[in-house]
Amino acid sequence: MSTDVQLDLQALVTAIEGQDHGDQLDLYAPDARLSVFDADTTLAPEVLIGADAISAWFHRPSQRCAVHRVKDASLDGNLLSWTDHCRTYAGLNIVSQNAAELHHGRITRQSLTVVWEDLPD
């Protein structure tokens, strides 16, 4: 019998689309590392370590995003990826491509690349 815990992919999608930051944070290890890359700049990524820093980051987009839609979510063993399409209250589109590593069913490392788009629906 395997003791390996699997991440609930549907729970992740539901938490992101429902902007339920508590449920989303529950899927991260306490010492998880999140690297945020902005595709529109050449700046170094913002690196967030630990639940408190990641939780604070989750609350930033929720102040400007009206709708989140997760597409192309995929889980393969300990590798996870998804694309988050966000529509802001101002009518702009933000797309983030996410890639994560898991340990015991929780996200331990994640890279997120953000692209700001001003595209029609």
PDB file of N, CA and C in Angstrom:
ATOM      1  N   MET A   1       0.830  -1.170   0.000  1.00  0.00           N
ATOM      2  CA  MET A   1       0.000   0.000   0.000  1.00  0.00           C
ATOM      3  C   MET A   1       0.883   1.244   0.000  1.00  0.00           C
ATOM      4  N   SER A   2       0.640   2.170  -0.921  1.00  0.00           N
ATOM      5  CA  SER A   2       1.425   3.383  -1.035  1.00  0.00           C
ATOM      6  C   SER A   2       0.976   4.410   0.006  1.00  0.00           C
ATOM      7  N   THR A   3       1.950   5.073   0.612  1.00  0.00           N
ATOM      8  CA  THR A   3       1.636   6.133   1.566  1.00  0.00           C
ATOM      9  C   THR A   3       1.814   7.508   0.934  1.00  0.00           C
ATOM     10  N   ASP A   4       2.106   7.538  -0.361  1.00  0.00           N
ATOM     11  CA  ASP A   4       2.300   8.796  -1.061  1.00  0.00           C
ATOM     12  C   ASP A   4       0.965   9.530  -1.185  1.00  0.00           C
ATOM     13  N   VAL A   5       0.925  10.754  -0.751  1.00  0.00           N
ATOM     14  CA  VAL A   5      -0.283  11.568  -0.805  1.00  0.00           C
ATOM     15  C   VAL A   5      -0.300  12.327  -2.124  1.00  0.00           C
ATOM     16  N   GLN A   6      -1.442  12.359  -2.767  1.00  0.00           N
ATOM     17  CA  GLN A   6      -1.591  13.073  -4.030  1.00  0.00           C
ATOM     18  C   GLN A   6      -2.325  14.386  -3.812  1.00  0.00           C
ATOM     19  N   LEU A   7      -1.914  15.410  -4.531  1.00  0.00           N
ATOM     20  CA  LEU A   7      -2.613  16.681  -4.498  1.00  0.00           C
ATOM     21  C   LEU A   7      -3.951  16.519  -5.203  1.00  0.00           C
ATOM     22  N   ASP A   8      -4.984  17.151  -4.682  1.00  0.00           N
ATOM     23  CA  ASP A   8      -6.311  17.136  -5.292  1.00  0.00           C
ATOM     24  C   ASP A   8      -6.357  18.266  -6.320  1.00  0.00           C
ATOM     25  N   LEU A   9      -6.172  17.913  -7.590  1.00  0.00           N
ATOM     26  CA  LEU A   9      -6.105  18.897  -8.666  1.00  0.00           C
ATOM     27  C   LEU A   9      -7.398  19.694  -8.765  1.00  0.00           C
ATOM     28  N   GLN A  10      -8.537  19.034  -8.622  1.00  0.00           N
ATOM     29  CA  GLN A  10      -9.817  19.750  -8.702  1.00  0.00           C
ATOM     30  C   GLN A  10      -9.961  20.738  -7.550  1.00  0.00           C
ATOM     31  N   ALA A  11      -9.436  20.398  -6.371  1.00  0.00           N
ATOM     32  CA  ALA A  11      -9.486  21.315  -5.235  1.00  0.00           C
ATOM     33  C   ALA A  11      -8.662  22.576  -5.531  1.00  0.00           C
ATOM     34  N   LEU A  12      -7.519  22.406  -6.196  1.00  0.00           N
ATOM     35  CA  LEU A  12      -6.698  23.553  -6.581  1.00  0.00           C
ATOM     36  C   LEU A  12      -7.454  24.448  -7.550  1.00  0.00           C
ATOM     37  N   VAL A  13      -8.030  23.851  -8.578  1.00  0.00           N
ATOM     38  CA  VAL A  13      -8.786  24.613  -9.582  1.00  0.00           C
ATOM     39  C   VAL A  13      -9.951  25.354  -8.916  1.00  0.00           C
ATOM     40  N   THR A  14     -10.692  24.665  -8.064  1.00  0.00           N
ATOM     41  CA  THR A  14     -11.836  25.269  -7.376  1.00  0.00           C
ATOM     42  C   THR A  14     -11.399  26.425  -6.485  1.00  0.00           C
ATOM     43  N   ALA A  15     -10.288  26.262  -5.767  1.00  0.00           N
ATOM     44  CA  ALA A  15      -9.796  27.318  -4.884  1.00  0.00           C
ATOM     45  C   ALA A  15      -9.355  28.549  -5.676  1.00  0.00           C
ATOM     46  N   ILE A  16      -8.662  28.344  -6.797  1.00  0.00           N
ATOM     47  CA  ILE A  16      -8.210  29.477  -7.611  1.00  0.00           C
ATOM     48  C   ILE A  16      -9.404  30.192  -8.225  1.00  0.00           C
ATOM     49  N   GLU A  17     -10.287  29.448  -8.868  1.00  0.00           N
ATOM     50  CA  GLU A  17     -11.425  30.068  -9.541  1.00  0.00           C
ATOM     51  C   GLU A  17     -12.399  30.707  -8.546  1.00  0.00           C
ATOM     52  N   GLY A  18     -12.492  30.148  -7.351  1.00  0.00           N
ATOM     53  CA  GLY A  18     -13.365  30.706  -6.327  1.00  0.00           C
ATOM     54  C   GLY A  18     -12.691  31.758  -5.467  1.00  0.00           C
ATOM     55  N   GLN A  19     -11.421  32.044  -5.760  1.00  0.00           N
ATOM     56  CA  GLN A  19     -10.624  33.000  -5.005  1.00  0.00           C
ATOM     57  C   GLN A  19     -10.664  32.692  -3.512  1.00  0.00           C
ATOM     58  N   ASP A  20     -10.596  31.387  -3.215  1.00  0.00           N
ATOM     59  CA  ASP A  20     -10.564  30.916  -1.832  1.00  0.00           C
ATOM     60  C   ASP A  20      -9.105  30.734  -1.439  1.00  0.00           C
ATOM     61  N   HIS A  21      -8.519  31.793  -0.925  1.00  0.00           N
ATOM     62  CA  HIS A  21      -7.090  31.789  -0.643  1.00  0.00           C
ATOM     63  C   HIS A  21      -6.721  30.833   0.485  1.00  0.00           C
ATOM     64  N   GLY A  22      -7.618  30.613   1.426  1.00  0.00           N
ATOM     65  CA  GLY A  22      -7.353  29.674   2.509  1.00  0.00           C
ATOM     66  C   GLY A  22      -7.210  28.257   1.993  1.00  0.00           C
ATOM     67  N   ASP A  23      -8.171  27.833   1.163  1.00  0.00           N
ATOM     68  CA  ASP A  23      -8.094  26.487   0.590  1.00  0.00           C
ATOM     69  C   ASP A  23      -6.890  26.351  -0.332  1.00  0.00           C
ATOM     70  N   GLN A  24      -6.569  27.414  -1.060  1.00  0.00           N
ATOM     71  CA  GLN A  24      -5.412  27.367  -1.953  1.00  0.00           C
ATOM     72  C   GLN A  24      -4.128  27.240  -1.136  1.00  0.00           C
ATOM     73  N   LEU A  25      -4.008  28.021  -0.073  1.00  0.00           N
ATOM     74  CA  LEU A  25      -2.812  27.981   0.756  1.00  0.00           C
ATOM     75  C   LEU A  25      -2.635  26.625   1.434  1.00  0.00           C
ATOM     76  N   ASP A  26      -3.741  25.943   1.740  1.00  0.00           N
ATOM     77  CA  ASP A  26      -3.671  24.606   2.348  1.00  0.00           C
ATOM     78  C   ASP A  26      -2.952  23.595   1.459  1.00  0.00           C
ATOM     79  N   LEU A  27      -2.842  23.884   0.168  1.00  0.00           N
ATOM     80  CA  LEU A  27      -2.195  22.969  -0.772  1.00  0.00           C
ATOM     81  C   LEU A  27      -0.679  23.188  -0.855  1.00  0.00           C
ATOM     82  N   TYR A  28      -0.173  24.158  -0.096  1.00  0.00           N
ATOM     83  CA  TYR A  28       1.252  24.477  -0.074  1.00  0.00           C
ATOM     84  C   TYR A  28       1.902  23.948   1.195  1.00  0.00           C
ATOM     85  N   ALA A  29       3.146  23.530   1.077  1.00  0.00           N
ATOM     86  CA  ALA A  29       3.937  23.156   2.247  1.00  0.00           C
ATOM     87  C   ALA A  29       4.237  24.437   3.043  1.00  0.00           C
ATOM     88  N   PRO A  30       4.416  24.328   4.363  1.00  0.00           N
ATOM     89  CA  PRO A  30       4.666  25.523   5.178  1.00  0.00           C
ATOM     90  C   PRO A  30       5.891  26.324   4.747  1.00  0.00           C
ATOM     91  N   ASP A  31       6.893  25.656   4.184  1.00  0.00           N
ATOM     92  CA  ASP A  31       8.112  26.342   3.754  1.00  0.00           C
ATOM     93  C   ASP A  31       8.216  26.434   2.231  1.00  0.00           C
ATOM     94  N   ALA A  32       7.072  26.435   1.555  1.00  0.00           N
ATOM     95  CA  ALA A  32       7.057  26.491   0.091  1.00  0.00           C
ATOM     96  C   ALA A  32       7.738  27.761  -0.413  1.00  0.00           C
ATOM     97  N   ARG A  33       8.231  27.650  -1.646  1.00  0.00           N
ATOM     98  CA  ARG A  33       8.934  28.768  -2.297  1.00  0.00           C
ATOM     99  C   ARG A  33       8.210  29.083  -3.601  1.00  0.00           C
ATOM    100  N   LEU A  34       7.799  30.342  -3.762  1.00  0.00           N
ATOM    101  CA  LEU A  34       7.097  30.793  -4.960  1.00  0.00           C
ATOM    102  C   LEU A  34       7.935  31.878  -5.628  1.00  0.00           C
ATOM    103  N   SER A  35       8.321  31.644  -6.896  1.00  0.00           N
ATOM    104  CA  SER A  35       9.079  32.624  -7.676  1.00  0.00           C
ATOM    105  C   SER A  35       8.149  33.212  -8.729  1.00  0.00           C
ATOM    106  N   VAL A  36       7.963  34.535  -8.678  1.00  0.00           N
ATOM    107  CA  VAL A  36       7.039  35.224  -9.573  1.00  0.00           C
ATOM    108  C   VAL A  36       7.847  36.021 -10.590  1.00  0.00           C
ATOM    109  N   PHE A  37       7.677  35.665 -11.858  1.00  0.00           N
ATOM    110  CA  PHE A  37       8.350  36.343 -12.960  1.00  0.00           C
ATOM    111  C   PHE A  37       7.329  37.207 -13.692  1.00  0.00           C
ATOM    112  N   ASP A  38       7.681  38.443 -13.990  1.00  0.00           N
ATOM    113  CA  ASP A  38       6.826  39.327 -14.780  1.00  0.00           C
ATOM    114  C   ASP A  38       7.408  39.353 -16.186  1.00  0.00           C
ATOM    115  N   ALA A  39       6.669  38.829 -17.147  1.00  0.00           N
ATOM    116  CA  ALA A  39       7.173  38.708 -18.520  1.00  0.00           C
ATOM    117  C   ALA A  39       7.396  40.061 -19.185  1.00  0.00           C
ATOM    118  N   ASP A  40       6.806  41.125 -18.635  1.00  0.00           N
ATOM    119  CA  ASP A  40       6.941  42.446 -19.238  1.00  0.00           C
ATOM    120  C   ASP A  40       8.158  43.219 -18.737  1.00  0.00           C
ATOM    121  N   THR A  41       8.925  42.618 -17.845  1.00  0.00           N
ATOM    122  CA  THR A  41      10.108  43.315 -17.323  1.00  0.00           C
ATOM    123  C   THR A  41      11.310  42.383 -17.382  1.00  0.00           C
ATOM    124  N   THR A  42      12.459  42.969 -17.179  1.00  0.00           N
ATOM    125  CA  THR A  42      13.688  42.164 -17.099  1.00  0.00           C
ATOM    126  C   THR A  42      14.160  42.077 -15.652  1.00  0.00           C
ATOM    127  N   LEU A  43      13.297  42.458 -14.736  1.00  0.00           N
ATOM    128  CA  LEU A  43      13.655  42.411 -13.325  1.00  0.00           C
ATOM    129  C   LEU A  43      13.786  40.973 -12.853  1.00  0.00           C
ATOM    130  N   ALA A  44      14.560  40.795 -11.805  1.00  0.00           N
ATOM    131  CA  ALA A  44      14.678  39.469 -11.183  1.00  0.00           C
ATOM    132  C   ALA A  44      13.312  39.067 -10.630  1.00  0.00           C
ATOM    133  N   PRO A  45      13.070  37.787 -10.528  1.00  0.00           N
ATOM    134  CA  PRO A  45      11.772  37.355 -10.004  1.00  0.00           C
ATOM    135  C   PRO A  45      11.603  37.762  -8.538  1.00  0.00           C
ATOM    136  N   GLU A  46      10.352  37.941  -8.160  1.00  0.00           N
ATOM    137  CA  GLU A  46      10.024  38.140  -6.752  1.00  0.00           C
ATOM    138  C   GLU A  46       9.956  36.746  -6.142  1.00  0.00           C
ATOM    139  N   VAL A  47      10.701  36.506  -5.088  1.00  0.00           N
ATOM    140  CA  VAL A  47      10.747  35.189  -4.459  1.00  0.00           C
ATOM    141  C   VAL A  47      10.079  35.279  -3.091  1.00  0.00           C
ATOM    142  N   LEU A  48       9.065  34.463  -2.912  1.00  0.00           N
ATOM    143  CA  LEU A  48       8.311  34.426  -1.669  1.00  0.00           C
ATOM    144  C   LEU A  48       8.545  33.079  -1.011  1.00  0.00           C
ATOM    145  N   ILE A  49       8.874  33.094   0.263  1.00  0.00           N
ATOM    146  CA  ILE A  49       9.157  31.852   0.977  1.00  0.00           C
ATOM    147  C   ILE A  49       8.266  31.773   2.208  1.00  0.00           C
ATOM    148  N   GLY A  50       7.543  30.684   2.312  1.00  0.00           N
ATOM    149  CA  GLY A  50       6.713  30.438   3.481  1.00  0.00           C
ATOM    150  C   GLY A  50       5.262  30.848   3.295  1.00  0.00           C
ATOM    151  N   ALA A  51       4.427  30.280   4.136  1.00  0.00           N
ATOM    152  CA  ALA A  51       2.982  30.462   4.031  1.00  0.00           C
ATOM    153  C   ALA A  51       2.554  31.922   4.181  1.00  0.00           C
ATOM    154  N   ASP A  52       3.165  32.665   5.096  1.00  0.00           N
ATOM    155  CA  ASP A  52       2.760  34.058   5.304  1.00  0.00           C
ATOM    156  C   ASP A  52       3.024  34.910   4.066  1.00  0.00           C
ATOM    157  N   ALA A  53       4.197  34.761   3.473  1.00  0.00           N
ATOM    158  CA  ALA A  53       4.537  35.543   2.283  1.00  0.00           C
ATOM    159  C   ALA A  53       3.657  35.151   1.102  1.00  0.00           C
ATOM    160  N   ILE A  54       3.404  33.872   0.933  1.00  0.00           N
ATOM    161  CA  ILE A  54       2.563  33.410  -0.179  1.00  0.00           C
ATOM    162  C   ILE A  54       1.125  33.852   0.038  1.00  0.00           C
ATOM    163  N   SER A  55       0.634  33.779   1.251  1.00  0.00           N
ATOM    164  CA  SER A  55      -0.724  34.231   1.558  1.00  0.00           C
ATOM    165  C   SER A  55      -0.898  35.712   1.228  1.00  0.00           C
ATOM    166  N   ALA A  56       0.069  36.532   1.600  1.00  0.00           N
ATOM    167  CA  ALA A  56       0.003  37.965   1.296  1.00  0.00           C
ATOM    168  C   ALA A  56      -0.032  38.186  -0.215  1.00  0.00           C
ATOM    169  N   TRP A  57       0.726  37.393  -0.957  1.00  0.00           N
ATOM    170  CA  TRP A  57       0.739  37.535  -2.416  1.00  0.00           C
ATOM    171  C   TRP A  57      -0.614  37.134  -3.015  1.00  0.00           C
ATOM    172  N   PHE A  58      -1.243  36.090  -2.487  1.00  0.00           N
ATOM    173  CA  PHE A  58      -2.564  35.675  -2.981  1.00  0.00           C
ATOM    174  C   PHE A  58      -3.579  36.817  -2.874  1.00  0.00           C
ATOM    175  N   HIS A  59      -3.466  37.605  -1.860  1.00  0.00           N
ATOM    176  CA  HIS A  59      -4.443  38.666  -1.649  1.00  0.00           C
ATOM    177  C   HIS A  59      -4.242  39.868  -2.566  1.00  0.00           C
ATOM    178  N   ARG A  60      -3.075  40.027  -3.121  1.00  0.00           N
ATOM    179  CA  ARG A  60      -2.853  41.145  -4.046  1.00  0.00           C
ATOM    180  C   ARG A  60      -3.690  41.029  -5.308  1.00  0.00           C
ATOM    181  N   PRO A  61      -3.641  39.915  -6.049  1.00  0.00           N
ATOM    182  CA  PRO A  61      -4.443  39.833  -7.274  1.00  0.00           C
ATOM    183  C   PRO A  61      -5.942  39.867  -6.998  1.00  0.00           C
ATOM    184  N   SER A  62      -6.379  39.385  -5.850  1.00  0.00           N
ATOM    185  CA  SER A  62      -7.815  39.327  -5.590  1.00  0.00           C
ATOM    186  C   SER A  62      -8.416  40.722  -5.495  1.00  0.00           C
ATOM    187  N   GLN A  63      -7.594  41.715  -5.284  1.00  0.00           N
ATOM    188  CA  GLN A  63      -8.111  43.068  -5.190  1.00  0.00           C
ATOM    189  C   GLN A  63      -8.382  43.653  -6.571  1.00  0.00           C
ATOM    190  N   ARG A  64      -7.855  43.043  -7.630  1.00  0.00           N
ATOM    191  CA  ARG A  64      -8.070  43.603  -8.959  1.00  0.00           C
ATOM    192  C   ARG A  64      -8.670  42.611  -9.958  1.00  0.00           C
ATOM    193  N   CYS A  65      -8.754  41.335  -9.602  1.00  0.00           N
ATOM    194  CA  CYS A  65      -9.284  40.338 -10.527  1.00  0.00           C
ATOM    195  C   CYS A  65     -10.743  40.016 -10.215  1.00  0.00           C
ATOM    196  N   ALA A  66     -11.555  40.146 -11.219  1.00  0.00           N
ATOM    197  CA  ALA A  66     -12.973  39.841 -11.059  1.00  0.00           C
ATOM    198  C   ALA A  66     -13.238  38.355 -11.271  1.00  0.00           C
ATOM    199  N   VAL A  67     -12.539  37.769 -12.240  1.00  0.00           N
ATOM    200  CA  VAL A  67     -12.795  36.381 -12.614  1.00  0.00           C
ATOM    201  C   VAL A  67     -11.476  35.662 -12.876  1.00  0.00           C
ATOM    202  N   HIS A  68     -11.357  34.445 -12.348  1.00  0.00           N
ATOM    203  CA  HIS A  68     -10.226  33.565 -12.643  1.00  0.00           C
ATOM    204  C   HIS A  68     -10.758  32.335 -13.358  1.00  0.00           C
ATOM    205  N   ARG A  69     -10.064  31.901 -14.408  1.00  0.00           N
ATOM    206  CA  ARG A  69     -10.391  30.658 -15.083  1.00  0.00           C
ATOM    207  C   ARG A  69      -9.097  29.858 -15.228  1.00  0.00           C
ATOM    208  N   VAL A  70      -9.114  28.640 -14.723  1.00  0.00           N
ATOM    209  CA  VAL A  70      -7.942  27.779 -14.817  1.00  0.00           C
ATOM    210  C   VAL A  70      -8.088  26.897 -16.045  1.00  0.00           C
ATOM    211  N   LYS A  71      -7.036  26.847 -16.842  1.00  0.00           N
ATOM    212  CA  LYS A  71      -7.024  26.012 -18.042  1.00  0.00           C
ATOM    213  C   LYS A  71      -5.767  25.154 -18.030  1.00  0.00           C
ATOM    214  N   ASP A  72      -5.831  24.062 -18.729  1.00  0.00           N
ATOM    215  CA  ASP A  72      -4.672  23.190 -18.952  1.00  0.00           C
ATOM    216  C   ASP A  72      -4.022  22.694 -17.661  1.00  0.00           C
ATOM    217  N   ALA A  73      -4.821  22.469 -16.619  1.00  0.00           N
ATOM    218  CA  ALA A  73      -4.272  21.939 -15.367  1.00  0.00           C
ATOM    219  C   ALA A  73      -3.832  20.502 -15.581  1.00  0.00           C
ATOM    220  N   SER A  74      -2.621  20.204 -15.117  1.00  0.00           N
ATOM    221  CA  SER A  74      -2.063  18.873 -15.333  1.00  0.00           C
ATOM    222  C   SER A  74      -1.245  18.455 -14.120  1.00  0.00           C
ATOM    223  N   LEU A  75      -1.423  17.217 -13.721  1.00  0.00           N
ATOM    224  CA  LEU A  75      -0.672  16.645 -12.610  1.00  0.00           C
ATOM    225  C   LEU A  75      -0.045  15.356 -13.097  1.00  0.00           C
ATOM    226  N   ASP A  76       1.283  15.280 -13.001  1.00  0.00           N
ATOM    227  CA  ASP A  76       2.020  14.103 -13.438  1.00  0.00           C
ATOM    228  C   ASP A  76       3.012  13.740 -12.339  1.00  0.00           C
ATOM    229  N   GLY A  77       2.604  12.827 -11.479  1.00  0.00           N
ATOM    230  CA  GLY A  77       3.458  12.449 -10.359  1.00  0.00           C
ATOM    231  C   GLY A  77       3.628  13.616  -9.405  1.00  0.00           C
ATOM    232  N   ASN A  78       4.852  14.107  -9.289  1.00  0.00           N
ATOM    233  CA  ASN A  78       5.142  15.230  -8.405  1.00  0.00           C
ATOM    234  C   ASN A  78       5.316  16.547  -9.149  1.00  0.00           C
ATOM    235  N   LEU A  79       4.829  16.593 -10.392  1.00  0.00           N
ATOM    236  CA  LEU A  79       4.898  17.816 -11.191  1.00  0.00           C
ATOM    237  C   LEU A  79       3.486  18.292 -11.514  1.00  0.00           C
ATOM    238  N   LEU A  80       3.282  19.577 -11.368  1.00  0.00           N
ATOM    239  CA  LEU A  80       1.969  20.180 -11.526  1.00  0.00           C
ATOM    240  C   LEU A  80       2.110  21.421 -12.400  1.00  0.00           C
ATOM    241  N   SER A  81       1.154  21.640 -13.287  1.00  0.00           N
ATOM    242  CA  SER A  81       1.162  22.876 -14.076  1.00  0.00           C
ATOM    243  C   SER A  81      -0.274  23.303 -14.357  1.00  0.00           C
ATOM    244  N   TRP A  82      -0.453  24.602 -14.548  1.00  0.00           N
ATOM    245  CA  TRP A  82      -1.760  25.144 -14.914  1.00  0.00           C
ATOM    246  C   TRP A  82      -1.581  26.565 -15.428  1.00  0.00           C
ATOM    247  N   THR A  83      -2.573  27.029 -16.156  1.00  0.00           N
ATOM    248  CA  THR A  83      -2.609  28.399 -16.637  1.00  0.00           C
ATOM    249  C   THR A  83      -3.826  29.068 -16.008  1.00  0.00           C
ATOM    250  N   ASP A  84      -3.614  30.255 -15.458  1.00  0.00           N
ATOM    251  CA  ASP A  84      -4.688  31.018 -14.815  1.00  0.00           C
ATOM    252  C   ASP A  84      -4.970  32.240 -15.683  1.00  0.00           C
ATOM    253  N   HIS A  85      -6.198  32.343 -16.161  1.00  0.00           N
ATOM    254  CA  HIS A  85      -6.639  33.488 -16.958  1.00  0.00           C
ATOM    255  C   HIS A  85      -7.500  34.362 -16.059  1.00  0.00           C
ATOM    256  N   CYS A  86      -7.052  35.590 -15.829  1.00  0.00           N
ATOM    257  CA  CYS A  86      -7.744  36.507 -14.934  1.00  0.00           C
ATOM    258  C   CYS A  86      -8.239  37.706 -15.722  1.00  0.00           C
ATOM    259  N   ARG A  87      -9.459  38.089 -15.440  1.00  0.00           N
ATOM    260  CA  ARG A  87     -10.031  39.304 -16.026  1.00  0.00           C
ATOM    261  C   ARG A  87     -10.166  40.317 -14.906  1.00  0.00           C
ATOM    262  N   THR A  88      -9.536  41.486 -15.063  1.00  0.00           N
ATOM    263  CA  THR A  88      -9.581  42.498 -14.012  1.00  0.00           C
ATOM    264  C   THR A  88     -10.884  43.280 -14.074  1.00  0.00           C
ATOM    265  N   TYR A  89     -11.166  43.981 -12.992  1.00  0.00           N
ATOM    266  CA  TYR A  89     -12.339  44.852 -12.962  1.00  0.00           C
ATOM    267  C   TYR A  89     -12.219  45.961 -13.994  1.00  0.00           C
ATOM    268  N   ALA A  90     -10.989  46.329 -14.347  1.00  0.00           N
ATOM    269  CA  ALA A  90     -10.755  47.371 -15.345  1.00  0.00           C
ATOM    270  C   ALA A  90     -10.858  46.836 -16.773  1.00  0.00           C
ATOM    271  N   GLY A  91     -11.056  45.528 -16.926  1.00  0.00           N
ATOM    272  CA  GLY A  91     -11.220  44.951 -18.256  1.00  0.00           C
ATOM    273  C   GLY A  91      -9.949  44.422 -18.892  1.00  0.00           C
ATOM    274  N   LEU A  92      -8.851  44.387 -18.153  1.00  0.00           N
ATOM    275  CA  LEU A  92      -7.609  43.844 -18.687  1.00  0.00           C
ATOM    276  C   LEU A  92      -7.536  42.346 -18.421  1.00  0.00           C
ATOM    277  N   ASN A  93      -6.759  41.656 -19.219  1.00  0.00           N
ATOM    278  CA  ASN A  93      -6.534  40.230 -19.035  1.00  0.00           C
ATOM    279  C   ASN A  93      -5.124  40.002 -18.507  1.00  0.00           C
ATOM    280  N   ILE A  94      -5.023  39.122 -17.528  1.00  0.00           N
ATOM    281  CA  ILE A  94      -3.736  38.707 -16.980  1.00  0.00           C
ATOM    282  C   ILE A  94      -3.678  37.195 -17.128  1.00  0.00           C
ATOM    283  N   VAL A  95      -2.583  36.701 -17.675  1.00  0.00           N
ATOM    284  CA  VAL A  95      -2.401  35.260 -17.820  1.00  0.00           C
ATOM    285  C   VAL A  95      -1.153  34.880 -17.031  1.00  0.00           C
ATOM    286  N   SER A  96      -1.287  33.838 -16.216  1.00  0.00           N
ATOM    287  CA  SER A  96      -0.103  33.346 -15.515  1.00  0.00           C
ATOM    288  C   SER A  96       0.070  31.863 -15.806  1.00  0.00           C
ATOM    289  N   GLN A  97       1.285  31.510 -16.165  1.00  0.00           N
ATOM    290  CA  GLN A  97       1.653  30.116 -16.390  1.00  0.00           C
ATOM    291  C   GLN A  97       2.367  29.638 -15.147  1.00  0.00           C
ATOM    292  N   ASN A  98       1.902  28.530 -14.582  1.00  0.00           N
ATOM    293  CA  ASN A  98       2.411  28.021 -13.321  1.00  0.00           C
ATOM    294  C   ASN A  98       2.996  26.632 -13.488  1.00  0.00           C
ATOM    295  N   ALA A  99       4.140  26.419 -12.857  1.00  0.00           N
ATOM    296  CA  ALA A  99       4.760  25.098 -12.808  1.00  0.00           C
ATOM    297  C   ALA A  99       5.190  24.874 -11.371  1.00  0.00           C
ATOM    298  N   ALA A 100       4.885  23.694 -10.838  1.00  0.00           N
ATOM    299  CA  ALA A 100       5.167  23.440  -9.432  1.00  0.00           C
ATOM    300  C   ALA A 100       5.685  22.032  -9.212  1.00  0.00           C
ATOM    301  N   GLU A 101       6.444  21.895  -8.136  1.00  0.00           N
ATOM    302  CA  GLU A 101       6.915  20.591  -7.668  1.00  0.00           C
ATOM    303  C   GLU A 101       6.179  20.275  -6.376  1.00  0.00           C
ATOM    304  N   LEU A 102       5.885  19.006  -6.178  1.00  0.00           N
ATOM    305  CA  LEU A 102       5.145  18.563  -5.003  1.00  0.00           C
ATOM    306  C   LEU A 102       5.995  17.620  -4.158  1.00  0.00           C
ATOM    307  N   HIS A 103       5.695  17.631  -2.877  1.00  0.00           N
ATOM    308  CA  HIS A 103       6.270  16.656  -1.954  1.00  0.00           C
ATOM    309  C   HIS A 103       5.159  16.290  -0.979  1.00  0.00           C
ATOM    310  N   HIS A 104       4.866  15.018  -0.881  1.00  0.00           N
ATOM    311  CA  HIS A 104       3.769  14.529  -0.035  1.00  0.00           C
ATOM    312  C   HIS A 104       2.458  15.242  -0.350  1.00  0.00           C
ATOM    313  N   GLY A 105       2.212  15.493  -1.639  1.00  0.00           N
ATOM    314  CA  GLY A 105       0.948  16.054  -2.082  1.00  0.00           C
ATOM    315  C   GLY A 105       0.776  17.544  -1.864  1.00  0.00           C
ATOM    316  N   ARG A 106       1.845  18.236  -1.479  1.00  0.00           N
ATOM    317  CA  ARG A 106       1.757  19.679  -1.265  1.00  0.00           C
ATOM    318  C   ARG A 106       2.799  20.389  -2.118  1.00  0.00           C
ATOM    319  N   ILE A 107       2.470  21.591  -2.550  1.00  0.00           N
ATOM    320  CA  ILE A 107       3.371  22.382  -3.384  1.00  0.00           C
ATOM    321  C   ILE A 107       4.549  22.852  -2.535  1.00  0.00           C
ATOM    322  N   THR A 108       5.757  22.548  -3.024  1.00  0.00           N
ATOM    323  CA  THR A 108       6.961  22.971  -2.314  1.00  0.00           C
ATOM    324  C   THR A 108       7.721  24.057  -3.077  1.00  0.00           C
ATOM    325  N   ARG A 109       7.674  23.998  -4.396  1.00  0.00           N
ATOM    326  CA  ARG A 109       8.331  24.995  -5.242  1.00  0.00           C
ATOM    327  C   ARG A 109       7.391  25.301  -6.394  1.00  0.00           C
ATOM    328  N   GLN A 110       7.257  26.596  -6.682  1.00  0.00           N
ATOM    329  CA  GLN A 110       6.401  27.003  -7.790  1.00  0.00           C
ATOM    330  C   GLN A 110       7.042  28.172  -8.502  1.00  0.00           C
ATOM    331  N   SER A 111       6.991  28.127  -9.824  1.00  0.00           N
ATOM    332  CA  SER A 111       7.388  29.258 -10.664  1.00  0.00           C
ATOM    333  C   SER A 111       6.150  29.732 -11.393  1.00  0.00           C
ATOM    334  N   LEU A 112       5.957  31.028 -11.398  1.00  0.00           N
ATOM    335  CA  LEU A 112       4.774  31.623 -11.999  1.00  0.00           C
ATOM    336  C   LEU A 112       5.236  32.757 -12.900  1.00  0.00           C
ATOM    337  N   THR A 113       4.844  32.720 -14.155  1.00  0.00           N
ATOM    338  CA  THR A 113       5.177  33.790 -15.089  1.00  0.00           C
ATOM    339  C   THR A 113       3.904  34.527 -15.439  1.00  0.00           C
ATOM    340  N   VAL A 114       3.900  35.838 -15.198  1.00  0.00           N
ATOM    341  CA  VAL A 114       2.725  36.669 -15.411  1.00  0.00           C
ATOM    342  C   VAL A 114       2.885  37.460 -16.706  1.00  0.00           C
ATOM    343  N   VAL A 115       1.834  37.448 -17.523  1.00  0.00           N
ATOM    344  CA  VAL A 115       1.793  38.242 -18.743  1.00  0.00           C
ATOM    345  C   VAL A 115       0.537  39.100 -18.687  1.00  0.00           C
ATOM    346  N   TRP A 116       0.714  40.397 -18.822  1.00  0.00           N
ATOM    347  CA  TRP A 116      -0.417  41.321 -18.860  1.00  0.00           C
ATOM    348  C   TRP A 116      -0.822  41.487 -20.311  1.00  0.00           C
ATOM    349  N   GLU A 117      -2.083  41.236 -20.601  1.00  0.00           N
ATOM    350  CA  GLU A 117      -2.573  41.358 -21.970  1.00  0.00           C
ATOM    351  C   GLU A 117      -3.695  42.378 -22.013  1.00  0.00           C
ATOM    352  N   ASP A 118      -3.782  43.105 -23.087  1.00  0.00           N
ATOM    353  CA  ASP A 118      -4.910  43.980 -23.305  1.00  0.00           C
ATOM    354  C   ASP A 118      -5.606  43.485 -24.566  1.00  0.00           C
ATOM    355  N   LEU A 119      -6.202  42.288 -24.435  1.00  0.00           N
ATOM    356  CA  LEU A 119      -6.792  41.628 -25.579  1.00  0.00           C
ATOM    357  C   LEU A 119      -8.309  41.571 -25.431  1.00  0.00           C
ATOM    358  N   PRO A 120      -9.036  41.594 -26.532  1.00  0.00           N
ATOM    359  CA  PRO A 120     -10.480  41.419 -26.429  1.00  0.00           C
ATOM    360  C   PRO A 120     -10.801  39.992 -26.045  1.00  0.00           C
ATOM    361  N   ASP A 121     -11.972  39.772 -25.447  1.00  0.00           N
ATOM    362  CA  ASP A 121     -12.378  38.410 -25.061  1.00  0.00           C
ATOM    363  C   ASP A 121     -12.561  37.511 -26.248  1.00  0.00           C
TER     364      ASP A 121
END
